[in-house]
């Protein structure tokens, strides 16, 4: 079992438990389901981040010219921006399995829309 399958299984477990507990039309269900999605899918977003450039100092938040960096360059503010973008994640996540050896990006995009 891969890490992605484990995360999706955990997400499905959370949503099923919340659906049984609160029902499907209750506003509490919706808010807890979004929180469960954030809690399960957030580690995946941080794990898939690209590593910093080689030779760069991660503690130095200044531009090469010596000017102060914009506010979003600070790691805490970058995390805050990522956390606020998690609200845009869908509540329902499916795993698409295709018989093609390598599905194209346009095929996946058409399925998502």
PDB file of N, CA and C in Angstrom:
ATOM      1  N   UNK A   1       0.855  -1.174   0.000  1.00  0.00           N
ATOM      2  CA  UNK A   1       0.000   0.000   0.000  1.00  0.00           C
ATOM      3  C   UNK A   1       0.901   1.236   0.000  1.00  0.00           C
ATOM      4  N   UNK A   2       0.635   2.128  -0.921  1.00  0.00           N
ATOM      5  CA  UNK A   2       1.435   3.343  -0.996  1.00  0.00           C
ATOM      6  C   UNK A   2       0.922   4.370   0.006  1.00  0.00           C
ATOM      7  N   UNK A   3       1.704   5.410   0.181  1.00  0.00           N
ATOM      8  CA  UNK A   3       1.320   6.466   1.108  1.00  0.00           C
ATOM      9  C   UNK A   3       0.057   7.183   0.674  1.00  0.00           C
ATOM     10  N   UNK A   4      -0.091   7.366  -0.652  1.00  0.00           N
ATOM     11  CA  UNK A   4      -1.287   8.034  -1.157  1.00  0.00           C
ATOM     12  C   UNK A   4      -2.535   7.197  -0.890  1.00  0.00           C
ATOM     13  N   UNK A   5      -2.441   5.890  -1.084  1.00  0.00           N
ATOM     14  CA  UNK A   5      -3.587   5.023  -0.799  1.00  0.00           C
ATOM     15  C   UNK A   5      -3.927   5.050   0.686  1.00  0.00           C
ATOM     16  N   UNK A   6      -2.909   5.101   1.529  1.00  0.00           N
ATOM     17  CA  UNK A   6      -3.158   5.166   2.970  1.00  0.00           C
ATOM     18  C   UNK A   6      -3.850   6.475   3.342  1.00  0.00           C
ATOM     19  N   UNK A   7      -3.393   7.589   2.752  1.00  0.00           N
ATOM     20  CA  UNK A   7      -4.024   8.875   3.046  1.00  0.00           C
ATOM     21  C   UNK A   7      -5.469   8.919   2.561  1.00  0.00           C
ATOM     22  N   UNK A   8      -5.712   8.387   1.369  1.00  0.00           N
ATOM     23  CA  UNK A   8      -7.083   8.386   0.859  1.00  0.00           C
ATOM     24  C   UNK A   8      -7.986   7.461   1.677  1.00  0.00           C
ATOM     25  N   UNK A   9      -7.448   6.343   2.135  1.00  0.00           N
ATOM     26  CA  UNK A   9      -8.228   5.463   3.006  1.00  0.00           C
ATOM     27  C   UNK A   9      -8.555   6.130   4.329  1.00  0.00           C
ATOM     28  N   UNK A  10      -7.582   6.857   4.885  1.00  0.00           N
ATOM     29  CA  UNK A  10      -7.812   7.589   6.126  1.00  0.00           C
ATOM     30  C   UNK A  10      -8.850   8.693   5.917  1.00  0.00           C
ATOM     31  N   UNK A  11      -8.776   9.365   4.778  1.00  0.00           N
ATOM     32  CA  UNK A  11      -9.755  10.409   4.461  1.00  0.00           C
ATOM     33  C   UNK A  11     -11.155   9.820   4.343  1.00  0.00           C
ATOM     34  N   UNK A  12     -11.270   8.684   3.671  1.00  0.00           N
ATOM     35  CA  UNK A  12     -12.576   8.037   3.522  1.00  0.00           C
ATOM     36  C   UNK A  12     -13.127   7.606   4.886  1.00  0.00           C
ATOM     37  N   UNK A  13     -12.255   7.112   5.758  1.00  0.00           N
ATOM     38  CA  UNK A  13     -12.688   6.707   7.095  1.00  0.00           C
ATOM     39  C   UNK A  13     -13.211   7.899   7.880  1.00  0.00           C
ATOM     40  N   UNK A  14     -12.465   9.030   7.836  1.00  0.00           N
ATOM     41  CA  UNK A  14     -12.917  10.233   8.534  1.00  0.00           C
ATOM     42  C   UNK A  14     -14.275  10.695   8.027  1.00  0.00           C
ATOM     43  N   UNK A  15     -14.427  10.764   6.715  1.00  0.00           N
ATOM     44  CA  UNK A  15     -15.683  11.282   6.174  1.00  0.00           C
ATOM     45  C   UNK A  15     -16.853  10.346   6.457  1.00  0.00           C
ATOM     46  N   UNK A  16     -16.634   9.042   6.420  1.00  0.00           N
ATOM     47  CA  UNK A  16     -17.721   8.100   6.737  1.00  0.00           C
ATOM     48  C   UNK A  16     -18.137   8.217   8.195  1.00  0.00           C
ATOM     49  N   UNK A  17     -17.159   8.320   9.087  1.00  0.00           N
ATOM     50  CA  UNK A  17     -17.487   8.471  10.513  1.00  0.00           C
ATOM     51  C   UNK A  17     -18.265   9.759  10.760  1.00  0.00           C
ATOM     52  N   UNK A  18     -17.816  10.846  10.131  1.00  0.00           N
ATOM     53  CA  UNK A  18     -18.507  12.117  10.327  1.00  0.00           C
ATOM     54  C   UNK A  18     -19.905  12.093   9.721  1.00  0.00           C
ATOM     55  N   UNK A  19     -20.053  11.422   8.593  1.00  0.00           N
ATOM     56  CA  UNK A  19     -21.372  11.331   7.961  1.00  0.00           C
ATOM     57  C   UNK A  19     -22.329  10.546   8.851  1.00  0.00           C
ATOM     58  N   UNK A  20     -21.848   9.462   9.453  1.00  0.00           N
ATOM     59  CA  UNK A  20     -22.697   8.682  10.352  1.00  0.00           C
ATOM     60  C   UNK A  20     -23.035   9.467  11.613  1.00  0.00           C
ATOM     61  N   UNK A  21     -22.094  10.257  12.089  1.00  0.00           N
ATOM     62  CA  UNK A  21     -22.289  10.980  13.340  1.00  0.00           C
ATOM     63  C   UNK A  21     -23.232  12.173  13.182  1.00  0.00           C
ATOM     64  N   UNK A  22     -23.053  12.950  12.111  1.00  0.00           N
ATOM     65  CA  UNK A  22     -23.781  14.207  11.993  1.00  0.00           C
ATOM     66  C   UNK A  22     -24.835  14.222  10.900  1.00  0.00           C
ATOM     67  N   UNK A  23     -24.906  13.216  10.059  1.00  0.00           N
ATOM     68  CA  UNK A  23     -25.833  13.261   8.935  1.00  0.00           C
ATOM     69  C   UNK A  23     -25.218  14.041   7.780  1.00  0.00           C
ATOM     70  N   UNK A  24     -25.895  14.036   6.639  1.00  0.00           N
ATOM     71  CA  UNK A  24     -25.282  14.650   5.465  1.00  0.00           C
ATOM     72  C   UNK A  24     -25.685  16.100   5.255  1.00  0.00           C
ATOM     73  N   UNK A  25     -26.785  16.557   5.790  1.00  0.00           N
ATOM     74  CA  UNK A  25     -27.229  17.915   5.499  1.00  0.00           C
ATOM     75  C   UNK A  25     -26.970  18.878   6.643  1.00  0.00           C
ATOM     76  N   UNK A  26     -26.377  18.411   7.682  1.00  0.00           N
ATOM     77  CA  UNK A  26     -26.104  19.258   8.829  1.00  0.00           C
ATOM     78  C   UNK A  26     -24.901  20.151   8.534  1.00  0.00           C
ATOM     79  N   UNK A  27     -24.937  21.420   8.963  1.00  0.00           N
ATOM     80  CA  UNK A  27     -23.813  22.331   8.716  1.00  0.00           C
ATOM     81  C   UNK A  27     -22.581  21.880   9.484  1.00  0.00           C
ATOM     82  N   UNK A  28     -22.781  21.202  10.612  1.00  0.00           N
ATOM     83  CA  UNK A  28     -21.642  20.706  11.385  1.00  0.00           C
ATOM     84  C   UNK A  28     -20.890  19.653  10.592  1.00  0.00           C
ATOM     85  N   UNK A  29     -21.623  18.818   9.873  1.00  0.00           N
ATOM     86  CA  UNK A  29     -21.000  17.791   9.045  1.00  0.00           C
ATOM     87  C   UNK A  29     -20.084  18.431   8.014  1.00  0.00           C
ATOM     88  N   UNK A  30     -20.564  19.488   7.379  1.00  0.00           N
ATOM     89  CA  UNK A  30     -19.760  20.130   6.335  1.00  0.00           C
ATOM     90  C   UNK A  30     -18.490  20.739   6.903  1.00  0.00           C
ATOM     91  N   UNK A  31     -18.597  21.408   8.047  1.00  0.00           N
ATOM     92  CA  UNK A  31     -17.401  22.040   8.614  1.00  0.00           C
ATOM     93  C   UNK A  31     -16.403  20.994   9.100  1.00  0.00           C
ATOM     94  N   UNK A  32     -16.889  19.916   9.728  1.00  0.00           N
ATOM     95  CA  UNK A  32     -15.970  18.875  10.184  1.00  0.00           C
ATOM     96  C   UNK A  32     -15.379  18.088   9.018  1.00  0.00           C
ATOM     97  N   UNK A  33     -16.134  17.937   7.945  1.00  0.00           N
ATOM     98  CA  UNK A  33     -15.614  17.233   6.777  1.00  0.00           C
ATOM     99  C   UNK A  33     -14.494  18.039   6.128  1.00  0.00           C
ATOM    100  N   UNK A  34     -14.658  19.358   6.062  1.00  0.00           N
ATOM    101  CA  UNK A  34     -13.580  20.205   5.531  1.00  0.00           C
ATOM    102  C   UNK A  34     -12.356  20.135   6.429  1.00  0.00           C
ATOM    103  N   UNK A  35     -12.567  20.122   7.738  1.00  0.00           N
ATOM    104  CA  UNK A  35     -11.437  20.028   8.658  1.00  0.00           C
ATOM    105  C   UNK A  35     -10.737  18.677   8.522  1.00  0.00           C
ATOM    106  N   UNK A  36     -11.511  17.615   8.319  1.00  0.00           N
ATOM    107  CA  UNK A  36     -10.903  16.293   8.135  1.00  0.00           C
ATOM    108  C   UNK A  36     -10.117  16.242   6.837  1.00  0.00           C
ATOM    109  N   UNK A  37     -10.632  16.864   5.791  1.00  0.00           N
ATOM    110  CA  UNK A  37      -9.900  16.911   4.521  1.00  0.00           C
ATOM    111  C   UNK A  37      -8.599  17.673   4.679  1.00  0.00           C
ATOM    112  N   UNK A  38      -8.651  18.795   5.389  1.00  0.00           N
ATOM    113  CA  UNK A  38      -7.430  19.567   5.619  1.00  0.00           C
ATOM    114  C   UNK A  38      -6.419  18.764   6.416  1.00  0.00           C
ATOM    115  N   UNK A  39      -6.887  18.060   7.445  1.00  0.00           N
ATOM    116  CA  UNK A  39      -5.964  17.315   8.303  1.00  0.00           C
ATOM    117  C   UNK A  39      -5.318  16.148   7.574  1.00  0.00           C
ATOM    118  N   UNK A  40      -6.047  15.515   6.672  1.00  0.00           N
ATOM    119  CA  UNK A  40      -5.510  14.345   5.981  1.00  0.00           C
ATOM    120  C   UNK A  40      -4.675  14.744   4.777  1.00  0.00           C
ATOM    121  N   UNK A  41      -5.131  15.733   4.020  1.00  0.00           N
ATOM    122  CA  UNK A  41      -4.461  16.071   2.770  1.00  0.00           C
ATOM    123  C   UNK A  41      -3.349  17.103   2.928  1.00  0.00           C
ATOM    124  N   UNK A  42      -3.291  17.807   4.045  1.00  0.00           N
ATOM    125  CA  UNK A  42      -2.229  18.798   4.237  1.00  0.00           C
ATOM    126  C   UNK A  42      -0.838  18.170   4.248  1.00  0.00           C
ATOM    127  N   UNK A  43      -0.617  17.048   4.941  1.00  0.00           N
ATOM    128  CA  UNK A  43       0.733  16.462   4.896  1.00  0.00           C
ATOM    129  C   UNK A  43       1.161  16.077   3.490  1.00  0.00           C
ATOM    130  N   UNK A  44       0.226  15.696   2.657  1.00  0.00           N
ATOM    131  CA  UNK A  44       0.569  15.342   1.284  1.00  0.00           C
ATOM    132  C   UNK A  44       1.064  16.567   0.521  1.00  0.00           C
ATOM    133  N   UNK A  45       0.427  17.700   0.729  1.00  0.00           N
ATOM    134  CA  UNK A  45       0.858  18.924   0.063  1.00  0.00           C
ATOM    135  C   UNK A  45       2.240  19.363   0.490  1.00  0.00           C
ATOM    136  N   UNK A  46       2.544  19.226   1.776  1.00  0.00           N
ATOM    137  CA  UNK A  46       3.867  19.617   2.243  1.00  0.00           C
ATOM    138  C   UNK A  46       4.922  18.598   1.842  1.00  0.00           C
ATOM    139  N   UNK A  47       4.541  17.344   1.699  1.00  0.00           N
ATOM    140  CA  UNK A  47       5.511  16.313   1.316  1.00  0.00           C
ATOM    141  C   UNK A  47       5.900  16.431  -0.149  1.00  0.00           C
ATOM    142  N   UNK A  48       5.009  16.925  -0.985  1.00  0.00           N
ATOM    143  CA  UNK A  48       5.288  17.030  -2.411  1.00  0.00           C
ATOM    144  C   UNK A  48       5.961  18.339  -2.799  1.00  0.00           C
ATOM    145  N   UNK A  49       6.311  19.155  -1.825  1.00  0.00           N
ATOM    146  CA  UNK A  49       6.999  20.409  -2.105  1.00  0.00           C
ATOM    147  C   UNK A  49       8.385  20.154  -2.649  1.00  0.00           C
ATOM    148  N   UNK A  50       8.829  21.014  -3.554  1.00  0.00           N
ATOM    149  CA  UNK A  50      10.167  20.868  -4.109  1.00  0.00           C
ATOM    150  C   UNK A  50      11.194  21.358  -3.098  1.00  0.00           C
ATOM    151  N   UNK A  51      12.353  20.696  -3.040  1.00  0.00           N
ATOM    152  CA  UNK A  51      13.392  21.134  -2.101  1.00  0.00           C
ATOM    153  C   UNK A  51      13.966  22.482  -2.528  1.00  0.00           C
ATOM    154  N   UNK A  52      14.546  23.238  -1.594  1.00  0.00           N
ATOM    155  CA  UNK A  52      15.133  24.527  -1.955  1.00  0.00           C
ATOM    156  C   UNK A  52      16.330  24.348  -2.880  1.00  0.00           C
ATOM    157  N   UNK A  53      16.684  25.419  -3.558  1.00  0.00           N
ATOM    158  CA  UNK A  53      17.798  25.368  -4.501  1.00  0.00           C
ATOM    159  C   UNK A  53      19.096  25.023  -3.778  1.00  0.00           C
ATOM    160  N   UNK A  54      19.968  24.298  -4.454  1.00  0.00           N
ATOM    161  CA  UNK A  54      21.238  23.891  -3.862  1.00  0.00           C
ATOM    162  C   UNK A  54      22.112  25.120  -3.677  1.00  0.00           C
ATOM    163  N   UNK A  55      22.733  25.211  -2.516  1.00  0.00           N
ATOM    164  CA  UNK A  55      23.627  26.326  -2.235  1.00  0.00           C
ATOM    165  C   UNK A  55      22.936  27.502  -1.576  1.00  0.00           C
ATOM    166  N   UNK A  56      21.637  27.486  -1.499  1.00  0.00           N
ATOM    167  CA  UNK A  56      20.922  28.587  -0.863  1.00  0.00           C
ATOM    168  C   UNK A  56      20.823  28.366   0.633  1.00  0.00           C
ATOM    169  N   UNK A  57      20.846  29.435   1.378  1.00  0.00           N
ATOM    170  CA  UNK A  57      20.716  29.356   2.821  1.00  0.00           C
ATOM    171  C   UNK A  57      19.243  29.505   3.161  1.00  0.00           C
ATOM    172  N   UNK A  58      18.662  28.494   3.766  1.00  0.00           N
ATOM    173  CA  UNK A  58      17.231  28.545   4.058  1.00  0.00           C
ATOM    174  C   UNK A  58      16.915  29.529   5.174  1.00  0.00           C
ATOM    175  N   UNK A  59      17.937  29.945   5.956  1.00  0.00           N
ATOM    176  CA  UNK A  59      17.691  30.893   7.036  1.00  0.00           C
ATOM    177  C   UNK A  59      17.797  32.334   6.561  1.00  0.00           C
ATOM    178  N   UNK A  60      18.356  32.556   5.389  1.00  0.00           N
ATOM    179  CA  UNK A  60      18.525  33.902   4.861  1.00  0.00           C
ATOM    180  C   UNK A  60      17.322  34.238   3.997  1.00  0.00           C
ATOM    181  N   UNK A  61      16.545  35.214   4.427  1.00  0.00           N
ATOM    182  CA  UNK A  61      15.326  35.577   3.712  1.00  0.00           C
ATOM    183  C   UNK A  61      15.502  36.907   2.999  1.00  0.00           C
ATOM    184  N   UNK A  62      16.659  37.139   2.421  1.00  0.00           N
ATOM    185  CA  UNK A  62      16.928  38.383   1.724  1.00  0.00           C
ATOM    186  C   UNK A  62      17.154  38.107   0.249  1.00  0.00           C
ATOM    187  N   UNK A  63      16.874  39.110  -0.555  1.00  0.00           N
ATOM    188  CA  UNK A  63      17.140  39.010  -1.981  1.00  0.00           C
ATOM    189  C   UNK A  63      18.642  39.067  -2.223  1.00  0.00           C
ATOM    190  N   UNK A  64      19.112  38.569  -3.371  1.00  0.00           N
ATOM    191  CA  UNK A  64      20.545  38.614  -3.658  1.00  0.00           C
ATOM    192  C   UNK A  64      21.114  40.028  -3.676  1.00  0.00           C
ATOM    193  N   UNK A  65      20.301  41.029  -3.991  1.00  0.00           N
ATOM    194  CA  UNK A  65      20.809  42.400  -4.039  1.00  0.00           C
ATOM    195  C   UNK A  65      20.876  43.029  -2.658  1.00  0.00           C
ATOM    196  N   UNK A  66      20.459  42.334  -1.623  1.00  0.00           N
ATOM    197  CA  UNK A  66      20.531  42.863  -0.268  1.00  0.00           C
ATOM    198  C   UNK A  66      19.262  43.549   0.188  1.00  0.00           C
ATOM    199  N   UNK A  67      18.263  43.615  -0.672  1.00  0.00           N
ATOM    200  CA  UNK A  67      17.002  44.238  -0.284  1.00  0.00           C
ATOM    201  C   UNK A  67      16.212  43.269   0.588  1.00  0.00           C
ATOM    202  N   UNK A  68      15.357  43.786   1.457  1.00  0.00           N
ATOM    203  CA  UNK A  68      14.523  42.869   2.239  1.00  0.00           C
ATOM    204  C   UNK A  68      13.582  42.088   1.330  1.00  0.00           C
ATOM    205  N   UNK A  69      13.350  40.871   1.678  1.00  0.00           N
ATOM    206  CA  UNK A  69      12.474  40.014   0.880  1.00  0.00           C
ATOM    207  C   UNK A  69      11.022  40.396   1.125  1.00  0.00           C
ATOM    208  N   UNK A  70      10.137  40.097   0.178  1.00  0.00           N
ATOM    209  CA  UNK A  70       8.715  40.333   0.437  1.00  0.00           C
ATOM    210  C   UNK A  70       8.232  39.457   1.590  1.00  0.00           C
ATOM    211  N   UNK A  71       7.100  39.818   2.133  1.00  0.00           N
ATOM    212  CA  UNK A  71       6.611  39.114   3.315  1.00  0.00           C
ATOM    213  C   UNK A  71       6.391  37.631   3.067  1.00  0.00           C
ATOM    214  N   UNK A  72       5.991  37.267   1.855  1.00  0.00           N
ATOM    215  CA  UNK A  72       5.696  35.860   1.582  1.00  0.00           C
ATOM    216  C   UNK A  72       6.951  34.998   1.530  1.00  0.00           C
ATOM    217  N   UNK A  73       8.137  35.616   1.526  1.00  0.00           N
ATOM    218  CA  UNK A  73       9.360  34.825   1.469  1.00  0.00           C
ATOM    219  C   UNK A  73       9.692  34.207   2.823  1.00  0.00           C
ATOM    220  N   UNK A  74       9.116  34.711   3.885  1.00  0.00           N
ATOM    221  CA  UNK A  74       9.376  34.146   5.206  1.00  0.00           C
ATOM    222  C   UNK A  74       8.659  32.809   5.312  1.00  0.00           C
ATOM    223  N   UNK A  75       9.311  31.771   5.854  1.00  0.00           N
ATOM    224  CA  UNK A  75       8.689  30.432   5.872  1.00  0.00           C
ATOM    225  C   UNK A  75       7.336  30.389   6.571  1.00  0.00           C
ATOM    226  N   UNK A  76       7.173  31.123   7.677  1.00  0.00           N
ATOM    227  CA  UNK A  76       5.899  31.076   8.388  1.00  0.00           C
ATOM    228  C   UNK A  76       4.780  31.636   7.513  1.00  0.00           C
ATOM    229  N   UNK A  77       5.074  32.719   6.795  1.00  0.00           N
ATOM    230  CA  UNK A  77       4.046  33.315   5.956  1.00  0.00           C
ATOM    231  C   UNK A  77       3.751  32.447   4.746  1.00  0.00           C
ATOM    232  N   UNK A  78       4.753  31.743   4.242  1.00  0.00           N
ATOM    233  CA  UNK A  78       4.496  30.813   3.150  1.00  0.00           C
ATOM    234  C   UNK A  78       3.573  29.701   3.630  1.00  0.00           C
ATOM    235  N   UNK A  79       3.803  29.187   4.836  1.00  0.00           N
ATOM    236  CA  UNK A  79       2.941  28.144   5.375  1.00  0.00           C
ATOM    237  C   UNK A  79       1.537  28.683   5.560  1.00  0.00           C
ATOM    238  N   UNK A  80       1.423  29.921   6.025  1.00  0.00           N
ATOM    239  CA  UNK A  80       0.113  30.520   6.235  1.00  0.00           C
ATOM    240  C   UNK A  80      -0.633  30.628   4.908  1.00  0.00           C
ATOM    241  N   UNK A  81       0.065  31.005   3.836  1.00  0.00           N
ATOM    242  CA  UNK A  81      -0.584  31.069   2.530  1.00  0.00           C
ATOM    243  C   UNK A  81      -1.033  29.683   2.083  1.00  0.00           C
ATOM    244  N   UNK A  82      -0.211  28.664   2.347  1.00  0.00           N
ATOM    245  CA  UNK A  82      -0.592  27.305   1.983  1.00  0.00           C
ATOM    246  C   UNK A  82      -1.808  26.852   2.780  1.00  0.00           C
ATOM    247  N   UNK A  83      -1.837  27.191   4.061  1.00  0.00           N
ATOM    248  CA  UNK A  83      -2.961  26.780   4.898  1.00  0.00           C
ATOM    249  C   UNK A  83      -4.254  27.440   4.429  1.00  0.00           C
ATOM    250  N   UNK A  84      -4.174  28.699   4.007  1.00  0.00           N
ATOM    251  CA  UNK A  84      -5.399  29.355   3.540  1.00  0.00           C
ATOM    252  C   UNK A  84      -5.842  28.791   2.189  1.00  0.00           C
ATOM    253  N   UNK A  85      -4.909  28.288   1.397  1.00  0.00           N
ATOM    254  CA  UNK A  85      -5.304  27.709   0.111  1.00  0.00           C
ATOM    255  C   UNK A  85      -5.905  26.317   0.278  1.00  0.00           C
ATOM    256  N   UNK A  86      -5.742  25.696   1.456  1.00  0.00           N
ATOM    257  CA  UNK A  86      -6.328  24.376   1.683  1.00  0.00           C
ATOM    258  C   UNK A  86      -7.852  24.433   1.716  1.00  0.00           C
ATOM    259  N   UNK A  87      -8.409  25.607   1.941  1.00  0.00           N
ATOM    260  CA  UNK A  87      -9.865  25.730   1.950  1.00  0.00           C
ATOM    261  C   UNK A  87     -10.444  25.478   0.564  1.00  0.00           C
ATOM    262  N   UNK A  88      -9.607  25.587  -0.467  1.00  0.00           N
ATOM    263  CA  UNK A  88     -10.073  25.389  -1.831  1.00  0.00           C
ATOM    264  C   UNK A  88     -10.052  23.923  -2.241  1.00  0.00           C
ATOM    265  N   UNK A  89      -9.549  23.049  -1.387  1.00  0.00           N
ATOM    266  CA  UNK A  89      -9.493  21.635  -1.728  1.00  0.00           C
ATOM    267  C   UNK A  89     -10.900  21.040  -1.775  1.00  0.00           C
ATOM    268  N   UNK A  90     -11.135  20.105  -2.650  1.00  0.00           N
ATOM    269  CA  UNK A  90     -12.458  19.475  -2.686  1.00  0.00           C
ATOM    270  C   UNK A  90     -12.655  18.585  -1.463  1.00  0.00           C
ATOM    271  N   UNK A  91     -13.901  18.463  -1.064  1.00  0.00           N
ATOM    272  CA  UNK A  91     -14.208  17.610   0.076  1.00  0.00           C
ATOM    273  C   UNK A  91     -14.151  16.149  -0.338  1.00  0.00           C
ATOM    274  N   UNK A  92     -14.526  15.874  -1.562  1.00  0.00           N
ATOM    275  CA  UNK A  92     -14.575  14.497  -2.039  1.00  0.00           C
ATOM    276  C   UNK A  92     -13.393  14.253  -2.970  1.00  0.00           C
ATOM    277  N   UNK A  93     -12.591  13.255  -2.671  1.00  0.00           N
ATOM    278  CA  UNK A  93     -11.415  12.937  -3.475  1.00  0.00           C
ATOM    279  C   UNK A  93     -11.561  11.513  -3.984  1.00  0.00           C
ATOM    280  N   UNK A  94     -11.345  11.332  -5.272  1.00  0.00           N
ATOM    281  CA  UNK A  94     -11.405  10.004  -5.878  1.00  0.00           C
ATOM    282  C   UNK A  94     -10.053   9.651  -6.457  1.00  0.00           C
ATOM    283  N   UNK A  95      -9.791   8.391  -6.538  1.00  0.00           N
ATOM    284  CA  UNK A  95      -8.584   7.890  -7.175  1.00  0.00           C
ATOM    285  C   UNK A  95      -8.980   7.376  -8.553  1.00  0.00           C
ATOM    286  N   UNK A  96      -8.387   7.945  -9.594  1.00  0.00           N
ATOM    287  CA  UNK A  96      -8.706   7.571 -10.968  1.00  0.00           C
ATOM    288  C   UNK A  96      -7.748   6.474 -11.401  1.00  0.00           C
ATOM    289  N   UNK A  97      -8.309   5.338 -11.785  1.00  0.00           N
ATOM    290  CA  UNK A  97      -7.501   4.220 -12.259  1.00  0.00           C
ATOM    291  C   UNK A  97      -7.823   4.025 -13.732  1.00  0.00           C
ATOM    292  N   UNK A  98      -6.802   4.044 -14.545  1.00  0.00           N
ATOM    293  CA  UNK A  98      -6.977   3.948 -15.990  1.00  0.00           C
ATOM    294  C   UNK A  98      -6.285   2.695 -16.499  1.00  0.00           C
ATOM    295  N   UNK A  99      -6.811   2.139 -17.584  1.00  0.00           N
ATOM    296  CA  UNK A  99      -6.184   0.967 -18.178  1.00  0.00           C
ATOM    297  C   UNK A  99      -5.028   1.346 -19.088  1.00  0.00           C
ATOM    298  N   UNK A 100      -4.943   2.613 -19.459  1.00  0.00           N
ATOM    299  CA  UNK A 100      -3.847   3.053 -20.311  1.00  0.00           C
ATOM    300  C   UNK A 100      -2.547   3.056 -19.503  1.00  0.00           C
ATOM    301  N   UNK A 101      -1.438   2.716 -20.137  1.00  0.00           N
ATOM    302  CA  UNK A 101      -0.174   2.695 -19.395  1.00  0.00           C
ATOM    303  C   UNK A 101       0.227   4.076 -18.890  1.00  0.00           C
ATOM    304  N   UNK A 102       0.033   5.108 -19.703  1.00  0.00           N
ATOM    305  CA  UNK A 102       0.346   6.468 -19.279  1.00  0.00           C
ATOM    306  C   UNK A 102      -0.749   7.404 -19.775  1.00  0.00           C
ATOM    307  N   UNK A 103      -1.726   7.729 -18.927  1.00  0.00           N
ATOM    308  CA  UNK A 103      -2.786   8.640 -19.365  1.00  0.00           C
ATOM    309  C   UNK A 103      -2.221  10.044 -19.572  1.00  0.00           C
ATOM    310  N   UNK A 104      -2.778  10.742 -20.516  1.00  0.00           N
ATOM    311  CA  UNK A 104      -2.287  12.089 -20.805  1.00  0.00           C
ATOM    312  C   UNK A 104      -2.892  13.091 -19.827  1.00  0.00           C
ATOM    313  N   UNK A 105      -2.250  14.253 -19.761  1.00  0.00           N
ATOM    314  CA  UNK A 105      -2.719  15.302 -18.870  1.00  0.00           C
ATOM    315  C   UNK A 105      -4.110  15.782 -19.267  1.00  0.00           C
ATOM    316  N   UNK A 106      -4.380  15.854 -20.557  1.00  0.00           N
ATOM    317  CA  UNK A 106      -5.695  16.329 -21.004  1.00  0.00           C
ATOM    318  C   UNK A 106      -6.803  15.350 -20.606  1.00  0.00           C
ATOM    319  N   UNK A 107      -6.493  14.051 -20.584  1.00  0.00           N
ATOM    320  CA  UNK A 107      -7.495  13.072 -20.143  1.00  0.00           C
ATOM    321  C   UNK A 107      -7.835  13.274 -18.671  1.00  0.00           C
ATOM    322  N   UNK A 108      -6.819  13.459 -17.854  1.00  0.00           N
ATOM    323  CA  UNK A 108      -7.044  13.664 -16.419  1.00  0.00           C
ATOM    324  C   UNK A 108      -7.770  14.985 -16.188  1.00  0.00           C
ATOM    325  N   UNK A 109      -7.387  16.035 -16.911  1.00  0.00           N
ATOM    326  CA  UNK A 109      -8.037  17.340 -16.745  1.00  0.00           C
ATOM    327  C   UNK A 109      -9.507  17.271 -17.140  1.00  0.00           C
ATOM    328  N   UNK A 110      -9.833  16.527 -18.189  1.00  0.00           N
ATOM    329  CA  UNK A 110     -11.233  16.424 -18.591  1.00  0.00           C
ATOM    330  C   UNK A 110     -12.043  15.634 -17.566  1.00  0.00           C
ATOM    331  N   UNK A 111     -11.422  14.687 -16.885  1.00  0.00           N
ATOM    332  CA  UNK A 111     -12.124  13.957 -15.829  1.00  0.00           C
ATOM    333  C   UNK A 111     -12.376  14.841 -14.618  1.00  0.00           C
ATOM    334  N   UNK A 112     -11.443  15.733 -14.315  1.00  0.00           N
ATOM    335  CA  UNK A 112     -11.571  16.582 -13.139  1.00  0.00           C
ATOM    336  C   UNK A 112     -12.630  17.660 -13.338  1.00  0.00           C
ATOM    337  N   UNK A 113     -12.830  18.110 -14.552  1.00  0.00           N
ATOM    338  CA  UNK A 113     -13.808  19.168 -14.818  1.00  0.00           C
ATOM    339  C   UNK A 113     -15.172  18.547 -14.852  1.00  0.00           C
TER     340      UNK A 113
END
